């Protein structure tokens, strides 16, 4: 994905300046990293809103252009208005194309419609929806696809079971003891196991209520004798 974002340098600081920008359909942003000083910049609200409609924008190397000079960046953080859901601030991280970057990548679970166990009513449990990876910018994937079509009842896929793209490493598995940092990502569970847990809770509640009732009845009999 090769996308250009146009920006201008910003001198004004503070909440008042940010309000004036937003009133003019612009938003404040900052760019930092790569051993350079941070720069405060201004973005066009409509341009960044349109860009973020594409999920791949969050995990792509973008060309941020300031004064006709483009530099590679990724979106590091976003702030939104709590009620209107409009973008109010963006943090960009400068990228050195020759150095590895660490960022979060979403997981896409594929093949649910082809999974025989799920067609029979099994439940898909997704324990992890994104993972932190390390790679060179040129190898950065927009998402990691996990095929669940062959999972049988009770099967699961852990971090070590994910087929990663070439040159992309899961950072959690680089801390020495792989087994200690491995974790389940997705599993297929039999639905009756969940219903049995609910039934046990109901039975326990009913037994507790019965015991309370018996205690109250005994207290009443004792007071009446």
Protein backbone atom coordinates (compact mmCIF):
# COMPACT_ATOMS: atom_id res chain seq x y z
CA UNK A 1 0.00 0.00 0.00
CA UNK A 2 1.54 3.31 -1.13
CA UNK A 3 -0.51 6.15 0.32
CA UNK A 4 0.42 9.82 0.59
CA UNK A 5 -0.74 11.99 3.49
CA UNK A 6 -0.35 15.73 3.09
CA UNK A 7 0.57 17.80 6.14
CA UNK A 8 1.81 21.26 7.04
CA UNK A 9 4.10 22.36 9.87
CA UNK A 10 2.30 23.76 12.92
CA UNK A 11 3.60 26.50 15.18
CA UNK A 12 0.62 27.18 17.44
CA UNK A 13 0.33 24.99 20.52
CA UNK A 14 -2.25 24.44 23.24
CA UNK A 15 -5.95 23.59 23.48
CA UNK A 16 -7.07 26.89 21.99
CA UNK A 17 -4.97 26.37 18.87
CA UNK A 18 -6.25 22.80 18.51
CA UNK A 19 -9.86 23.99 18.78
CA UNK A 20 -9.27 26.56 16.05
CA UNK A 21 -7.79 23.89 13.80
CA UNK A 22 -10.75 21.57 14.29
CA UNK A 23 -13.15 24.44 13.64
CA UNK A 24 -11.45 24.78 10.24
CA UNK A 25 -11.75 21.02 9.57
CA UNK A 26 -8.12 20.37 10.38
CA UNK A 27 -6.60 18.33 13.19
CA UNK A 28 -3.30 18.49 15.09
CA UNK A 29 -0.76 15.69 14.81
CA UNK A 30 2.82 14.90 15.75
CA UNK A 31 5.62 13.00 14.05
CA UNK A 32 8.58 11.56 15.96
CA UNK A 33 11.20 8.81 15.91
CA UNK A 34 14.20 7.78 13.79
CA UNK A 35 16.52 9.83 15.99
CA UNK A 36 15.02 13.15 14.89
CA UNK A 37 13.27 15.90 16.82
CA UNK A 38 9.47 15.64 17.04
CA UNK A 39 7.50 17.94 14.73
CA UNK A 40 3.98 19.20 15.31
CA UNK A 41 1.94 19.16 12.12
CA UNK A 42 -1.56 19.77 10.81
CA UNK A 43 -3.70 17.34 8.81
CA UNK A 44 -6.85 17.74 6.75
CA UNK A 45 -9.72 16.13 8.68
CA UNK A 46 -11.46 14.75 5.59
CA UNK A 47 -8.26 13.31 4.11
CA UNK A 48 -7.29 11.42 7.28
CA UNK A 49 -10.89 10.27 7.86
CA UNK A 50 -11.06 8.85 4.35
CA UNK A 51 -7.67 7.18 4.80
CA UNK A 52 -8.74 5.44 8.01
CA UNK A 53 -11.79 3.91 6.33
CA UNK A 54 -9.32 1.38 4.94
CA UNK A 55 -8.22 -1.06 7.68
CA UNK A 56 -4.85 -1.55 5.99
CA UNK A 57 -3.94 2.07 6.73
CA UNK A 58 -3.35 1.18 10.37
CA UNK A 59 -0.62 -1.33 9.49
CA UNK A 60 0.90 0.16 6.33
CA UNK A 61 3.96 2.28 5.67
CA UNK A 62 2.55 5.68 4.69
CA UNK A 63 4.26 8.55 2.87
CA UNK A 64 3.79 11.66 5.01
CA UNK A 65 4.49 14.71 2.84
CA UNK A 66 5.51 18.01 4.46
CA UNK A 67 6.60 20.89 2.23
CA UNK A 68 6.79 18.49 -0.72
CA UNK A 69 9.19 16.20 1.15
CA UNK A 70 7.88 12.68 1.82
CA UNK A 71 9.01 10.49 4.69
CA UNK A 72 7.86 6.95 5.58
CA UNK A 73 5.74 6.67 8.73
CA UNK A 74 3.25 4.40 10.46
CA UNK A 75 0.28 5.44 12.56
CA UNK A 76 1.30 4.88 16.17
CA UNK A 77 -1.70 6.28 18.03
CA UNK A 78 -5.10 7.89 17.41
CA UNK A 79 -7.38 9.97 19.57
CA UNK A 80 -11.09 10.32 18.81
CA UNK A 81 -13.91 12.50 20.09
CA UNK A 82 -15.80 10.38 22.66
CA UNK A 83 -19.25 11.26 21.32
CA UNK A 84 -18.75 12.08 17.63
CA UNK A 85 -16.06 9.42 16.94
CA UNK A 86 -14.11 11.97 14.90
CA UNK A 87 -10.32 11.82 14.83
CA UNK A 88 -8.91 14.59 17.05
CA UNK A 89 -5.18 13.81 17.08
CA UNK A 90 -2.73 11.47 15.32
CA UNK A 91 0.74 10.27 16.35
CA UNK A 92 3.03 9.21 13.49
CA UNK A 93 6.26 7.26 13.95
CA UNK A 94 9.06 7.87 11.47
CA UNK A 95 10.40 4.71 9.86
CA UNK A 96 13.94 3.84 8.83
CA UNK A 97 13.39 1.41 5.95
CA UNK A 98 16.66 -0.37 6.83
CA UNK A 99 15.78 -1.01 10.50
CA UNK A 100 13.27 -3.38 12.03
CA UNK A 101 10.11 -1.98 13.56
CA UNK A 102 7.90 -3.38 16.31
CA UNK A 103 4.14 -2.94 16.01
CA UNK A 104 0.80 -4.71 16.51
CA UNK A 105 -0.80 -6.61 13.63
CA UNK A 106 -4.44 -7.84 13.63
CA UNK A 107 -5.30 -11.53 13.28
CA UNK A 108 -7.83 -12.60 10.64
CA UNK A 109 -9.42 -16.01 11.24
CA UNK A 110 -10.22 -17.69 7.92
CA UNK A 111 -12.26 -20.75 7.00
CA UNK A 112 -14.98 -20.61 9.65
CA UNK A 113 -17.64 -21.45 7.06
CA UNK A 114 -15.69 -24.59 6.07
CA UNK A 115 -15.17 -25.87 9.60
CA UNK A 116 -17.17 -29.09 10.09
CA UNK A 117 -17.26 -28.83 13.88
CA UNK A 118 -18.66 -25.31 13.74
CA UNK A 119 -21.32 -26.37 11.25
CA UNK A 120 -22.43 -28.83 13.92
CA UNK A 121 -22.71 -26.09 16.53
CA UNK A 122 -19.21 -25.79 17.99
CA UNK A 123 -18.14 -22.46 19.46
CA UNK A 124 -15.11 -20.51 18.21
CA UNK A 125 -13.18 -18.83 21.02
CA UNK A 126 -10.79 -16.06 19.94
CA UNK A 127 -8.40 -15.33 22.80
CA UNK A 128 -6.09 -12.99 20.87
CA UNK A 129 -7.11 -10.52 18.15
CA UNK A 130 -3.71 -8.90 17.48
CA UNK A 131 -0.06 -9.77 18.06
CA UNK A 132 3.10 -7.73 18.37
CA UNK A 133 5.60 -8.45 15.60
CA UNK A 134 9.08 -7.36 14.58
CA UNK A 135 10.21 -7.03 10.97
CA UNK A 136 11.74 -4.79 8.36
CA UNK A 137 9.24 -2.22 7.02
CA UNK A 138 9.22 -3.89 3.59
CA UNK A 139 7.97 -7.14 5.19
CA UNK A 140 5.26 -5.56 7.34
CA UNK A 141 1.98 -7.46 6.79
CA UNK A 142 -1.40 -5.75 6.98
CA UNK A 143 -2.79 -8.75 8.87
CA UNK A 144 -1.89 -12.30 9.85
CA UNK A 145 -4.30 -14.90 8.45
CA UNK A 146 -5.02 -18.01 10.52
CA UNK A 147 -6.80 -20.92 8.85
CA UNK A 148 -9.26 -22.55 11.27
CA UNK A 149 -11.11 -24.69 8.72
CA UNK A 150 -9.40 -27.92 9.85
CA UNK A 151 -9.81 -27.48 13.61
CA UNK A 152 -11.78 -30.29 15.24
CA UNK A 153 -13.73 -30.15 18.50
CA UNK A 154 -11.31 -29.30 21.32
CA UNK A 155 -8.47 -28.26 18.99
CA UNK A 156 -6.63 -24.99 19.40
CA UNK A 157 -3.90 -22.93 17.75
CA UNK A 158 -1.21 -21.26 19.85
CA UNK A 159 1.32 -18.57 18.96
CA UNK A 160 3.85 -21.22 17.94
CA UNK A 161 1.26 -22.72 15.58
CA UNK A 162 0.81 -19.58 13.50
CA UNK A 163 2.35 -19.65 10.01
CA UNK A 164 4.15 -16.31 9.91
CA UNK A 165 5.18 -14.49 6.71
CA UNK A 166 8.86 -14.61 5.85
CA UNK A 167 10.90 -12.13 7.86
CA UNK A 168 8.17 -11.47 10.44
CA UNK A 169 8.72 -12.56 14.07
CA UNK A 170 6.30 -12.70 17.00
CA UNK A 171 8.06 -10.73 19.73
CA UNK A 172 6.50 -12.77 22.55
CA UNK A 173 8.43 -15.80 21.31
CA UNK A 174 11.82 -14.08 21.43
CA UNK A 175 12.15 -13.88 25.23
CA UNK A 176 14.08 -17.10 25.84
CA UNK A 177 11.65 -19.66 27.22
CA UNK A 178 9.22 -20.08 24.30
CA UNK A 179 6.90 -22.44 26.17
CA UNK A 180 6.50 -19.94 29.01
CA UNK A 181 5.44 -17.18 26.59
CA UNK A 182 3.35 -19.30 24.24
CA UNK A 183 -0.41 -18.92 24.55
CA UNK A 184 -3.62 -20.10 22.89
CA UNK A 185 -4.87 -17.83 20.15
CA UNK A 186 -8.07 -19.58 19.08
CA UNK A 187 -9.92 -22.80 19.92
CA UNK A 188 -13.03 -24.75 18.96
CA UNK A 189 -15.16 -25.70 21.96
CA UNK A 190 -18.10 -28.05 22.32
CA UNK A 191 -21.19 -25.96 23.10
CA UNK A 192 -22.61 -28.40 25.69
CA UNK A 193 -19.56 -27.77 27.89
CA UNK A 194 -20.66 -24.19 28.19
CA UNK A 195 -24.28 -25.18 28.89
CA UNK A 196 -23.15 -27.65 31.55
CA UNK A 197 -21.27 -24.86 33.32
CA UNK A 198 -24.42 -22.76 33.31
CA UNK A 199 -26.51 -25.67 34.63
CA UNK A 200 -24.06 -26.24 37.48
CA UNK A 201 -24.34 -22.60 38.49
CA UNK A 202 -28.14 -22.80 38.40
CA UNK A 203 -28.20 -25.97 40.53
CA UNK A 204 -25.85 -24.40 43.06
CA UNK A 205 -28.06 -21.30 43.24
CA UNK A 206 -31.17 -23.43 43.73
CA UNK A 207 -29.51 -25.49 46.46
CA UNK A 208 -28.41 -22.32 48.20
CA UNK A 209 -31.93 -20.92 48.01
CA UNK A 210 -33.38 -24.20 49.40
CA UNK A 211 -30.95 -24.19 52.31
CA UNK A 212 -31.88 -20.59 53.09
CA UNK A 213 -35.54 -21.54 52.99
CA UNK A 214 -35.00 -24.52 55.31
CA UNK A 215 -33.10 -22.35 57.75
CA UNK A 216 -35.89 -19.80 57.80
CA UNK A 217 -38.50 -22.56 58.29
CA UNK A 218 -36.55 -24.01 61.22
CA UNK A 219 -36.29 -20.57 62.81
CA UNK A 220 -40.05 -20.14 62.44
CA UNK A 221 -40.81 -23.56 63.97
CA UNK A 222 -38.47 -22.88 66.87
CA UNK A 223 -39.99 -19.50 67.62
CA UNK A 224 -43.51 -20.95 67.47
CA UNK A 225 -42.92 -23.82 69.93
